[in-house]
Amino acid sequence: MDEARARDVLDAAGVEPGAALLALGENAVFAAGDRVVKVGRGAELLERAEREVAVASWLEEAGVPAVRAAEPKPRLVHGHPVTVWHRLPDAVRPPEPKDLAPLLRLVHGLPEPAFGLPRRELLGGVERWLRLAGDAIDPADAAYLRERRDGFAAAAAALTPRLTPGPIHGDALPRNVHVGPDGPVLVDLETFASDLREHDLVVLALARDRYGLAPAAHDAFTAAYGWDVREWEGCAVLRGARETASCAWVAQHAPTNPRALAEFRRRVASLREGDPEVRWYPF
């Protein structure tokens, strides 16, 4: 879905012309007055959009600071799910890891919602991403990642968690926090799931080792949350699963982007060599 197609959907949905494009990925995200409108890339994302709106309502009822839906359910417009959200006030500063921790504590303290949440299928997209990569990547690397996927999926299923399983954000990164005049709020609720709470904590542990997050920033996060997931014996398993997924995700872009191919090769080589601290670059 390109911007022109997304704007056609906006027009059909009755959004006034002139909406500003904020992001273009799995969703096209537009600012339109005091609303934000998200256009999903296809009808297959309708169920996820319905769940995201339900999550927003549930978090509002629970008093968790998060983005609020402006319409009670998505609309399917020309085969694209459309959701409408209240626009947040302008950010007062960039989010930091320590802003995320109290929000995760609130989420991790919630019981299951009535509508149910899926498992966090961290490795579920690996096959599709490798197929999209096609001949652009070495078949031996694809086979290696499939083997890793299968091994870590089995290992993750056998883990004994330290925390009580339940609702998680699913993509717990500072970029999914907005710091407005009233404090930090959660955004991007599409990945909410019900699974090991440790999933949300491994994300920043991996960011510390792989993506250049300053150790002091990670320490501030763990202090604010009240526990460092690296103390848990299962941390290496969830980390390995996330690394495998992240590597395969980059592979899908390799056929058309030389930078993606170079980053994919860097990541695979570091996994093969067993080096847990080779720097990876966000893509």
Protein backbone atom coordinates (compact mmCIF):
# COMPACT_ATOMS: atom_id res chain seq x y z
CA MET A 1 0.00 0.00 0.00
CA ASP A 2 1.44 3.36 -1.01
CA GLU A 3 0.48 6.84 0.18
CA ALA A 4 -1.81 7.50 -2.81
CA ARG A 5 -3.83 4.34 -2.10
CA ALA A 6 -4.05 5.21 1.59
CA ARG A 7 -5.33 8.69 0.76
CA ASP A 8 -8.00 7.18 -1.50
CA VAL A 9 -9.15 5.16 1.51
CA LEU A 10 -9.16 8.29 3.68
CA ASP A 11 -11.34 10.07 1.14
CA ALA A 12 -13.77 7.15 1.04
CA ALA A 13 -13.85 7.13 4.86
CA GLY A 14 -14.89 10.77 4.89
CA VAL A 15 -11.66 12.20 6.29
CA GLU A 16 -11.21 15.81 5.21
CA PRO A 17 -8.43 16.41 2.65
CA GLY A 18 -5.09 17.65 3.88
CA ALA A 19 -4.32 15.00 6.50
CA ALA A 20 -0.59 14.87 7.22
CA LEU A 21 1.20 11.55 6.75
CA LEU A 22 3.00 10.55 9.97
CA ALA A 23 4.19 7.05 9.08
CA LEU A 24 3.94 4.52 6.27
CA GLY A 25 4.52 0.86 7.07
CA GLU A 26 2.08 -1.92 7.87
CA ASN A 27 -0.27 0.99 8.51
CA ALA A 28 -0.43 4.40 6.92
CA VAL A 29 -0.85 6.83 9.81
CA PHE A 30 -2.28 10.31 9.27
CA ALA A 31 -2.92 13.31 11.50
CA ALA A 32 -6.28 14.92 10.77
CA GLY A 33 -7.14 17.75 13.14
CA ASP A 34 -7.59 16.36 16.64
CA ARG A 35 -7.66 12.78 15.33
CA VAL A 36 -5.11 10.25 14.11
CA VAL A 37 -6.30 7.82 11.43
CA LYS A 38 -4.62 4.49 10.74
CA VAL A 39 -5.16 2.67 7.45
CA GLY A 40 -4.13 -1.00 7.46
CA ARG A 41 -2.51 -2.50 4.41
CA GLY A 42 -5.23 -5.12 3.83
CA ALA A 43 -8.38 -6.81 5.04
CA GLU A 44 -6.31 -9.55 6.70
CA LEU A 45 -5.42 -6.97 9.39
CA LEU A 46 -9.06 -6.28 10.34
CA GLU A 47 -9.04 -8.72 13.25
CA ARG A 48 -5.86 -7.18 14.63
CA ALA A 49 -7.36 -3.70 14.28
CA GLU A 50 -10.48 -4.83 16.14
CA ARG A 51 -8.32 -6.21 18.93
CA GLU A 52 -6.25 -3.01 19.13
CA VAL A 53 -9.37 -0.90 19.62
CA ALA A 54 -10.65 -3.36 22.24
CA VAL A 55 -7.29 -3.18 24.04
CA ALA A 56 -7.47 0.63 24.07
CA SER A 57 -10.94 0.53 25.65
CA TRP A 58 -9.82 -2.07 28.19
CA LEU A 59 -6.74 -0.02 29.17
CA GLU A 60 -8.89 3.08 29.55
CA GLU A 61 -11.24 1.24 31.91
CA ALA A 62 -8.24 -0.04 33.88
CA GLY A 63 -6.76 3.45 34.18
CA VAL A 64 -3.58 2.65 32.24
CA PRO A 65 -2.22 5.72 30.42
CA ALA A 66 -2.46 4.84 26.73
CA VAL A 67 -3.68 6.17 23.42
CA ARG A 68 -7.49 6.26 23.25
CA ALA A 69 -9.68 5.17 20.36
CA ALA A 70 -12.06 7.82 19.00
CA GLU A 71 -14.39 5.26 17.38
CA PRO A 72 -15.61 2.03 19.04
CA LYS A 73 -14.62 -0.28 16.20
CA PRO A 74 -12.64 -0.27 12.94
CA ARG A 75 -14.23 0.36 9.58
CA LEU A 76 -13.40 -1.72 6.50
CA VAL A 77 -13.03 0.77 3.64
CA HIS A 78 -12.13 -0.48 0.14
CA GLY A 79 -10.63 -3.59 1.74
CA HIS A 80 -8.56 -1.70 4.32
CA PRO A 81 -9.22 -1.52 8.07
CA VAL A 82 -9.47 2.08 9.27
CA THR A 83 -9.19 3.04 12.94
CA VAL A 84 -9.58 6.52 14.41
CA TRP A 85 -7.75 7.72 17.51
CA HIS A 86 -7.64 10.78 19.72
CA ARG A 87 -4.54 12.75 18.85
CA LEU A 88 -2.09 13.06 21.71
CA PRO A 89 -0.69 16.45 22.79
CA ASP A 90 2.73 17.30 21.44
CA ALA A 91 5.57 15.49 23.16
CA VAL A 92 7.48 17.47 25.75
CA ARG A 93 10.60 15.35 25.34
CA PRO A 94 11.77 12.08 23.77
CA PRO A 95 10.84 8.90 25.68
CA GLU A 96 13.44 7.08 27.74
CA PRO A 97 13.56 3.44 28.85
CA LYS A 98 12.72 4.44 32.42
CA ASP A 99 9.44 5.96 31.13
CA LEU A 100 8.40 2.56 29.84
CA ALA A 101 8.93 0.60 33.06
CA PRO A 102 6.00 1.98 35.15
CA LEU A 103 3.63 1.48 32.22
CA LEU A 104 4.73 -2.15 31.89
CA ARG A 105 4.24 -2.68 35.62
CA LEU A 106 0.64 -1.48 35.23
CA VAL A 107 0.03 -3.76 32.24
CA HIS A 108 1.69 -6.70 33.96
CA GLY A 109 -0.59 -6.24 36.93
CA LEU A 110 -3.76 -6.61 34.87
CA PRO A 111 -5.87 -9.78 34.67
CA GLU A 112 -6.91 -11.20 31.32
CA PRO A 113 -9.45 -9.09 29.43
CA ALA A 114 -12.86 -10.54 28.65
CA PHE A 115 -12.22 -10.53 24.90
CA GLY A 116 -9.05 -12.63 25.11
CA LEU A 117 -5.58 -11.99 23.77
CA PRO A 118 -3.43 -14.16 21.46
CA ARG A 119 -0.10 -15.68 22.37
CA ARG A 120 3.01 -13.68 21.48
CA GLU A 121 3.99 -15.60 18.37
CA LEU A 122 7.46 -14.12 18.21
CA LEU A 123 8.71 -16.67 15.68
CA GLY A 124 5.51 -16.93 13.67
CA GLY A 125 6.66 -14.66 10.85
CA VAL A 126 10.06 -16.26 10.25
CA GLU A 127 8.94 -18.54 7.42
CA ARG A 128 7.11 -15.77 5.56
CA TRP A 129 10.05 -13.36 5.88
CA LEU A 130 12.53 -15.95 4.62
CA ARG A 131 10.29 -16.76 1.66
CA LEU A 132 10.06 -13.08 0.81
CA ALA A 133 13.86 -12.92 0.91
CA GLY A 134 14.01 -15.63 -1.76
CA ASP A 135 17.28 -16.00 -3.63
CA ALA A 136 18.64 -12.73 -2.25
CA ILE A 137 20.00 -14.57 0.78
CA ASP A 138 22.20 -17.65 1.01
CA PRO A 139 20.00 -20.78 1.25
CA ALA A 140 22.33 -22.04 3.98
CA ASP A 141 21.54 -18.95 6.06
CA ALA A 142 17.80 -19.50 5.58
CA ALA A 143 18.16 -23.13 6.65
CA TYR A 144 20.20 -22.06 9.68
CA LEU A 145 17.49 -19.62 10.79
CA ARG A 146 14.75 -22.22 10.35
CA GLU A 147 16.73 -24.61 12.53
CA ARG A 148 17.21 -21.89 15.16
CA ARG A 149 13.51 -21.06 15.02
CA ASP A 150 12.50 -24.65 15.67
CA GLY A 151 14.99 -25.03 18.50
CA PHE A 152 14.05 -21.84 20.28
CA ALA A 153 10.31 -22.44 19.81
CA ALA A 154 10.65 -25.78 21.61
CA ALA A 155 12.87 -24.29 24.31
CA ALA A 156 10.52 -21.36 24.91
CA ALA A 157 7.55 -23.69 25.30
CA ALA A 158 9.38 -25.47 28.12
CA LEU A 159 10.32 -22.36 30.12
CA THR A 160 9.31 -21.85 33.74
CA PRO A 161 8.58 -18.12 34.11
CA ARG A 162 9.55 -16.04 37.12
CA LEU A 163 6.57 -13.70 36.65
CA THR A 164 2.92 -14.73 36.42
CA PRO A 165 1.98 -14.98 32.70
CA GLY A 166 -0.70 -12.64 31.39
CA PRO A 167 -1.19 -9.49 29.30
CA ILE A 168 1.92 -7.95 27.75
CA HIS A 169 2.57 -5.08 25.36
CA GLY A 170 4.52 -7.33 23.01
CA ASP A 171 6.84 -4.67 21.54
CA ALA A 172 8.11 -2.96 24.68
CA LEU A 173 10.43 -0.28 23.34
CA PRO A 174 10.69 3.40 24.27
CA ARG A 175 9.51 4.34 20.77
CA ASN A 176 6.10 2.99 21.80
CA VAL A 177 5.84 5.55 24.59
CA HIS A 178 4.73 9.16 24.11
CA VAL A 179 5.72 11.65 26.80
CA GLY A 180 3.15 14.44 26.82
CA PRO A 181 2.44 17.20 29.34
CA ASP A 182 0.62 14.72 31.60
CA GLY A 183 3.40 12.14 31.51
CA PRO A 184 4.19 8.95 29.54
CA VAL A 185 1.46 6.99 27.73
CA LEU A 186 1.60 3.74 25.76
CA VAL A 187 1.04 3.83 22.03
CA ASP A 188 0.94 1.20 19.26
CA LEU A 189 -1.24 -1.40 20.95
CA GLU A 190 -1.34 -3.85 18.02
CA THR A 191 1.10 -6.31 19.55
CA PHE A 192 -0.71 -6.81 22.87
CA ALA A 193 -0.75 -10.49 23.76
CA SER A 194 -1.08 -12.87 26.68
CA ASP A 195 2.14 -14.71 27.37
CA LEU A 196 5.25 -14.66 29.53
CA ARG A 197 5.66 -11.19 31.02
CA GLU A 198 9.40 -11.69 30.53
CA HIS A 199 8.89 -11.11 26.80
CA ASP A 200 8.43 -7.39 27.51
CA LEU A 201 11.63 -7.20 29.55
CA VAL A 202 13.94 -9.12 27.22
CA VAL A 203 13.41 -6.46 24.53
CA LEU A 204 15.50 -3.84 26.33
CA ALA A 205 18.05 -6.37 27.54
CA LEU A 206 18.66 -7.20 23.89
CA ALA A 207 18.73 -3.50 22.99
CA ARG A 208 21.49 -3.04 25.55
CA ASP A 209 23.65 -5.76 24.03
CA ARG A 210 22.86 -5.46 20.34
CA TYR A 211 21.48 -2.02 19.50
CA GLY A 212 23.63 0.36 21.50
CA LEU A 213 21.30 1.16 24.40
CA ALA A 214 23.48 2.69 27.11
CA PRO A 215 23.96 0.38 30.11
CA ALA A 216 22.94 3.24 32.42
CA ALA A 217 19.63 3.60 30.56
CA HIS A 218 18.97 -0.13 30.93
CA ASP A 219 19.86 0.07 34.62
CA ALA A 220 17.36 2.91 35.05
CA PHE A 221 14.70 0.78 33.35
CA THR A 222 15.30 -2.25 35.56
CA ALA A 223 15.36 -0.07 38.68
CA ALA A 224 12.03 1.50 37.75
CA TYR A 225 10.49 -1.88 36.93
CA GLY A 226 11.93 -3.55 40.01
CA TRP A 227 13.61 -6.58 38.42
CA ASP A 228 16.30 -7.37 35.88
CA VAL A 229 15.18 -10.17 33.56
CA ARG A 230 18.81 -11.16 32.99
CA GLU A 231 18.71 -12.74 36.45
CA TRP A 232 16.23 -15.31 35.10
CA GLU A 233 17.60 -18.54 33.65
CA GLY A 234 15.15 -18.38 30.75
CA CYS A 235 16.37 -15.00 29.52
CA ALA A 236 18.81 -16.48 27.01
CA VAL A 237 16.03 -18.53 25.41
CA LEU A 238 13.68 -15.58 24.84
CA ARG A 239 16.62 -13.46 23.72
CA GLY A 240 17.63 -16.12 21.20
CA ALA A 241 14.10 -16.37 19.88
CA ARG A 242 13.88 -12.59 19.46
CA GLU A 243 17.27 -12.44 17.73
CA THR A 244 16.17 -15.15 15.31
CA ALA A 245 12.97 -13.30 14.49
CA SER A 246 14.77 -9.96 14.12
CA CYS A 247 17.30 -11.48 11.74
CA ALA A 248 14.62 -13.05 9.55
CA TRP A 249 12.59 -9.82 9.56
CA VAL A 250 15.48 -7.93 7.96
CA ALA A 251 15.86 -10.68 5.34
CA GLN A 252 12.53 -9.83 3.69
CA HIS A 253 13.95 -6.45 2.61
CA ALA A 254 17.14 -7.92 1.14
CA PRO A 255 15.86 -8.35 -2.47
CA THR A 256 15.38 -4.61 -2.96
CA ASN A 257 17.68 -2.97 -0.42
CA PRO A 258 21.45 -3.51 -0.31
CA ARG A 259 21.61 -2.06 3.21
CA ALA A 260 19.17 -4.66 4.41
CA LEU A 261 21.19 -7.44 2.84
CA ALA A 262 24.37 -6.18 4.51
CA GLU A 263 22.61 -5.95 7.88
CA PHE A 264 21.15 -9.44 7.44
CA ARG A 265 24.60 -10.88 6.75
CA ARG A 266 26.02 -9.07 9.79
CA ARG A 267 23.31 -10.52 12.02
CA VAL A 268 23.56 -14.07 10.72
CA ALA A 269 27.35 -14.06 11.04
CA SER A 270 27.16 -12.93 14.66
CA LEU A 271 24.64 -15.67 15.46
CA ARG A 272 26.72 -18.33 13.74
CA GLU A 273 29.84 -17.16 15.61
CA GLY A 274 27.99 -17.12 18.92
CA ASP A 275 29.01 -13.52 19.64
CA PRO A 276 26.21 -11.93 21.73
CA GLU A 277 27.56 -8.37 21.54
CA VAL A 278 28.18 -7.70 17.84
CA ARG A 279 26.40 -4.40 17.17
CA TRP A 280 23.18 -4.64 15.15
CA TYR A 281 21.65 -1.58 13.55
CA PRO A 282 17.92 -0.79 13.56
CA PHE A 283 16.34 -1.12 10.16
